[in-house]
Amino acid sequence: MILGVVSDTHNRVFNVEKIIDIFNSNNVDKVIHTGDITQAKTLGRFARLNCPLLGVFGNNDLKEEGLEAVSLENGFDFRSRV
C-alpha cells in the first residue's frame, strides 16, 4: 500500500493541484490530510484524487463554513480534532 500524507494546504490551490498530480501519478492507494485546509473550495479540489481521502480538520478549519459539507459530498472521511 502506498500512503500519501499532506497537511497545511492553507488554500494554496496551485500547490494542491501539484500534490494531487503527484499522488495520482504515483498510484497512491490512500491520502491522509492532517488539517488546515482553510477553505471548502480547496478541499473540493481533492475530488480529483484517484483514491480515498481521509483526515482531520485542523485548528484553522474550525470556523470555516462548508468544509464538512464538501467532505460529505465527495465521500471524504474527515473528522474533527478532539
N, C-alpha and C. Protein backbone atom coordinates (compact mmCIF):
# COMPACT_ATOMS: atom_id res chain seq x y z
N MET A 1 0.84 -1.18 0.00
CA MET A 1 0.00 0.00 0.00
C MET A 1 0.88 1.24 0.00
N ILE A 2 0.54 2.17 -0.87
CA ILE A 2 1.23 3.45 -0.92
C ILE A 2 0.32 4.49 -0.28
N LEU A 3 0.84 5.16 0.75
CA LEU A 3 0.08 6.13 1.51
C LEU A 3 0.63 7.52 1.25
N GLY A 4 -0.25 8.46 0.91
CA GLY A 4 0.14 9.85 0.74
C GLY A 4 -0.31 10.65 1.94
N VAL A 5 0.55 11.54 2.42
CA VAL A 5 0.22 12.37 3.57
C VAL A 5 0.47 13.83 3.19
N VAL A 6 -0.50 14.67 3.55
CA VAL A 6 -0.40 16.09 3.24
C VAL A 6 -1.00 16.88 4.41
N SER A 7 -0.52 18.08 4.60
CA SER A 7 -1.07 18.92 5.66
C SER A 7 -0.87 20.39 5.31
N ASP A 8 -1.56 21.23 6.04
CA ASP A 8 -1.36 22.68 5.97
C ASP A 8 -1.41 23.22 4.54
N THR A 9 -2.42 22.82 3.79
CA THR A 9 -2.53 23.32 2.42
C THR A 9 -3.00 24.78 2.38
N HIS A 10 -3.65 25.24 3.42
CA HIS A 10 -3.98 26.66 3.61
C HIS A 10 -4.44 27.39 2.34
N ASN A 11 -5.32 26.77 1.60
CA ASN A 11 -5.91 27.41 0.43
C ASN A 11 -4.90 27.76 -0.66
N ARG A 12 -3.79 27.08 -0.71
CA ARG A 12 -2.81 27.29 -1.79
C ARG A 12 -3.15 26.32 -2.92
N VAL A 13 -4.10 26.75 -3.73
CA VAL A 13 -4.69 25.88 -4.76
C VAL A 13 -3.65 25.37 -5.75
N PHE A 14 -2.73 26.20 -6.15
CA PHE A 14 -1.70 25.77 -7.10
C PHE A 14 -0.92 24.58 -6.52
N ASN A 15 -0.55 24.67 -5.25
CA ASN A 15 0.19 23.58 -4.61
C ASN A 15 -0.68 22.34 -4.46
N VAL A 16 -1.95 22.53 -4.14
CA VAL A 16 -2.87 21.40 -4.01
C VAL A 16 -2.97 20.65 -5.33
N GLU A 17 -3.08 21.38 -6.42
CA GLU A 17 -3.17 20.73 -7.74
C GLU A 17 -1.91 19.92 -8.03
N LYS A 18 -0.74 20.45 -7.69
CA LYS A 18 0.50 19.72 -7.90
C LYS A 18 0.57 18.48 -7.02
N ILE A 19 0.12 18.60 -5.77
CA ILE A 19 0.11 17.47 -4.85
C ILE A 19 -0.78 16.35 -5.40
N ILE A 20 -1.96 16.72 -5.87
CA ILE A 20 -2.89 15.73 -6.42
C ILE A 20 -2.26 15.03 -7.62
N ASP A 21 -1.62 15.79 -8.50
CA ASP A 21 -0.96 15.19 -9.66
C ASP A 21 0.13 14.20 -9.23
N ILE A 22 0.90 14.55 -8.22
CA ILE A 22 1.96 13.67 -7.72
C ILE A 22 1.36 12.38 -7.16
N PHE A 23 0.32 12.52 -6.34
CA PHE A 23 -0.31 11.33 -5.76
C PHE A 23 -0.91 10.44 -6.85
N ASN A 24 -1.60 11.05 -7.81
CA ASN A 24 -2.21 10.26 -8.89
C ASN A 24 -1.17 9.58 -9.77
N SER A 25 -0.11 10.28 -10.10
CA SER A 25 0.91 9.70 -10.98
C SER A 25 1.70 8.59 -10.29
N ASN A 26 1.68 8.58 -8.96
CA ASN A 26 2.38 7.53 -8.21
C ASN A 26 1.44 6.45 -7.70
N ASN A 27 0.20 6.47 -8.20
CA ASN A 27 -0.79 5.44 -7.85
C ASN A 27 -0.94 5.23 -6.34
N VAL A 28 -1.03 6.35 -5.63
CA VAL A 28 -1.21 6.30 -4.17
C VAL A 28 -2.54 5.62 -3.88
N ASP A 29 -2.56 4.76 -2.86
CA ASP A 29 -3.75 4.00 -2.50
C ASP A 29 -4.70 4.75 -1.57
N LYS A 30 -4.15 5.64 -0.78
CA LYS A 30 -4.97 6.40 0.17
C LYS A 30 -4.20 7.66 0.55
N VAL A 31 -4.92 8.77 0.76
CA VAL A 31 -4.29 10.02 1.17
C VAL A 31 -4.88 10.45 2.51
N ILE A 32 -4.00 10.88 3.40
CA ILE A 32 -4.41 11.43 4.69
C ILE A 32 -4.04 12.90 4.72
N HIS A 33 -5.02 13.73 5.06
CA HIS A 33 -4.78 15.17 5.23
C HIS A 33 -4.85 15.46 6.72
N THR A 34 -3.77 16.01 7.27
CA THR A 34 -3.70 16.20 8.72
C THR A 34 -4.18 17.58 9.18
N GLY A 35 -4.88 18.28 8.33
CA GLY A 35 -5.55 19.51 8.76
C GLY A 35 -5.00 20.79 8.18
N ASP A 36 -5.77 21.85 8.42
CA ASP A 36 -5.52 23.21 7.96
C ASP A 36 -5.63 23.32 6.43
N ILE A 37 -6.83 23.03 5.98
CA ILE A 37 -7.19 23.15 4.58
C ILE A 37 -7.55 24.61 4.30
N THR A 38 -8.32 25.19 5.15
CA THR A 38 -8.74 26.58 5.22
C THR A 38 -10.06 26.87 4.52
N GLN A 39 -10.24 26.47 3.27
CA GLN A 39 -11.49 26.80 2.58
C GLN A 39 -12.09 25.57 1.91
N ALA A 40 -13.41 25.56 1.85
CA ALA A 40 -14.13 24.43 1.26
C ALA A 40 -13.74 24.21 -0.20
N LYS A 41 -13.54 25.28 -0.95
CA LYS A 41 -13.20 25.12 -2.37
C LYS A 41 -11.86 24.40 -2.54
N THR A 42 -10.96 24.59 -1.59
CA THR A 42 -9.67 23.90 -1.64
C THR A 42 -9.86 22.42 -1.37
N LEU A 43 -10.65 22.08 -0.37
CA LEU A 43 -10.93 20.67 -0.08
C LEU A 43 -11.60 20.00 -1.28
N GLY A 44 -12.48 20.72 -1.96
CA GLY A 44 -13.16 20.18 -3.14
C GLY A 44 -12.22 19.77 -4.24
N ARG A 45 -11.08 20.41 -4.33
CA ARG A 45 -10.09 20.07 -5.37
C ARG A 45 -9.62 18.62 -5.25
N PHE A 46 -9.62 18.12 -4.01
CA PHE A 46 -9.15 16.76 -3.77
C PHE A 46 -10.07 15.71 -4.38
N ALA A 47 -11.19 16.11 -4.93
CA ALA A 47 -12.08 15.18 -5.62
C ALA A 47 -11.38 14.57 -6.85
N ARG A 48 -10.33 15.22 -7.33
CA ARG A 48 -9.57 14.69 -8.47
C ARG A 48 -8.67 13.51 -8.11
N LEU A 49 -8.53 13.24 -6.81
CA LEU A 49 -7.70 12.10 -6.40
C LEU A 49 -8.26 10.80 -6.95
N ASN A 50 -7.40 9.90 -7.30
CA ASN A 50 -7.80 8.58 -7.78
C ASN A 50 -7.86 7.56 -6.64
N CYS A 51 -7.97 8.06 -5.42
CA CYS A 51 -8.00 7.19 -4.25
C CYS A 51 -8.81 7.87 -3.14
N PRO A 52 -9.12 7.15 -2.07
CA PRO A 52 -9.86 7.75 -0.96
C PRO A 52 -9.03 8.80 -0.22
N LEU A 53 -9.73 9.79 0.33
CA LEU A 53 -9.11 10.84 1.15
C LEU A 53 -9.74 10.79 2.53
N LEU A 54 -8.89 10.77 3.53
CA LEU A 54 -9.38 10.87 4.90
C LEU A 54 -8.48 11.83 5.66
N GLY A 55 -9.00 12.33 6.78
CA GLY A 55 -8.19 13.26 7.53
C GLY A 55 -8.93 13.89 8.69
N VAL A 56 -8.34 14.93 9.21
CA VAL A 56 -8.91 15.70 10.30
C VAL A 56 -8.94 17.17 9.92
N PHE A 57 -9.88 17.88 10.51
CA PHE A 57 -9.92 19.32 10.34
C PHE A 57 -8.97 19.93 11.36
N GLY A 58 -8.11 20.83 10.92
CA GLY A 58 -7.14 21.46 11.80
C GLY A 58 -7.69 22.68 12.50
N ASN A 59 -6.86 23.30 13.32
CA ASN A 59 -7.28 24.47 14.08
C ASN A 59 -7.69 25.64 13.19
N ASN A 60 -7.14 25.74 12.00
CA ASN A 60 -7.53 26.82 11.08
C ASN A 60 -8.81 26.49 10.32
N ASP A 61 -9.33 25.31 10.52
CA ASP A 61 -10.54 24.88 9.82
C ASP A 61 -11.78 24.96 10.71
N LEU A 62 -11.61 25.17 11.98
CA LEU A 62 -12.71 25.05 12.94
C LEU A 62 -13.88 25.98 12.66
N LYS A 63 -13.61 27.17 12.17
CA LYS A 63 -14.68 28.15 11.95
C LYS A 63 -15.04 28.33 10.47
N GLU A 64 -14.43 27.55 9.62
CA GLU A 64 -14.68 27.68 8.18
C GLU A 64 -15.96 26.96 7.79
N GLU A 65 -16.85 27.67 7.15
CA GLU A 65 -18.11 27.08 6.71
C GLU A 65 -17.91 26.28 5.43
N GLY A 66 -18.62 25.19 5.32
CA GLY A 66 -18.66 24.43 4.09
C GLY A 66 -17.70 23.26 4.02
N LEU A 67 -16.70 23.19 4.90
CA LEU A 67 -15.74 22.10 4.83
C LEU A 67 -16.40 20.74 5.06
N GLU A 68 -17.24 20.67 6.06
CA GLU A 68 -17.90 19.39 6.35
C GLU A 68 -18.82 18.97 5.20
N ALA A 69 -19.53 19.94 4.63
CA ALA A 69 -20.43 19.65 3.51
C ALA A 69 -19.66 19.13 2.30
N VAL A 70 -18.55 19.77 1.97
CA VAL A 70 -17.74 19.33 0.83
C VAL A 70 -17.18 17.94 1.09
N SER A 71 -16.78 17.69 2.32
CA SER A 71 -16.28 16.38 2.68
C SER A 71 -17.34 15.31 2.44
N LEU A 72 -18.54 15.56 2.90
CA LEU A 72 -19.63 14.60 2.72
C LEU A 72 -20.00 14.43 1.25
N GLU A 73 -20.07 15.54 0.51
CA GLU A 73 -20.43 15.49 -0.91
C GLU A 73 -19.47 14.62 -1.73
N ASN A 74 -18.19 14.65 -1.34
CA ASN A 74 -17.17 13.93 -2.11
C ASN A 74 -16.80 12.58 -1.52
N GLY A 75 -17.46 12.20 -0.44
CA GLY A 75 -17.18 10.90 0.17
C GLY A 75 -15.88 10.85 0.93
N PHE A 76 -15.35 12.01 1.32
CA PHE A 76 -14.12 12.05 2.11
C PHE A 76 -14.46 11.67 3.54
N ASP A 77 -13.54 11.04 4.22
CA ASP A 77 -13.72 10.65 5.61
C ASP A 77 -12.91 11.61 6.48
N PHE A 78 -13.54 12.71 6.88
CA PHE A 78 -12.88 13.71 7.71
C PHE A 78 -13.50 13.75 9.09
N ARG A 79 -12.67 13.97 10.08
CA ARG A 79 -13.11 14.05 11.47
C ARG A 79 -12.63 15.37 12.06
N SER A 80 -13.33 15.81 13.07
CA SER A 80 -12.90 16.98 13.81
C SER A 80 -11.85 16.55 14.82
N ARG A 81 -10.88 17.41 15.02
CA ARG A 81 -9.86 17.11 16.03
C ARG A 81 -10.47 17.23 17.40
N VAL A 82 -10.03 16.40 18.30
CA VAL A 82 -10.54 16.44 19.68
C VAL A 82 -9.63 17.29 20.52
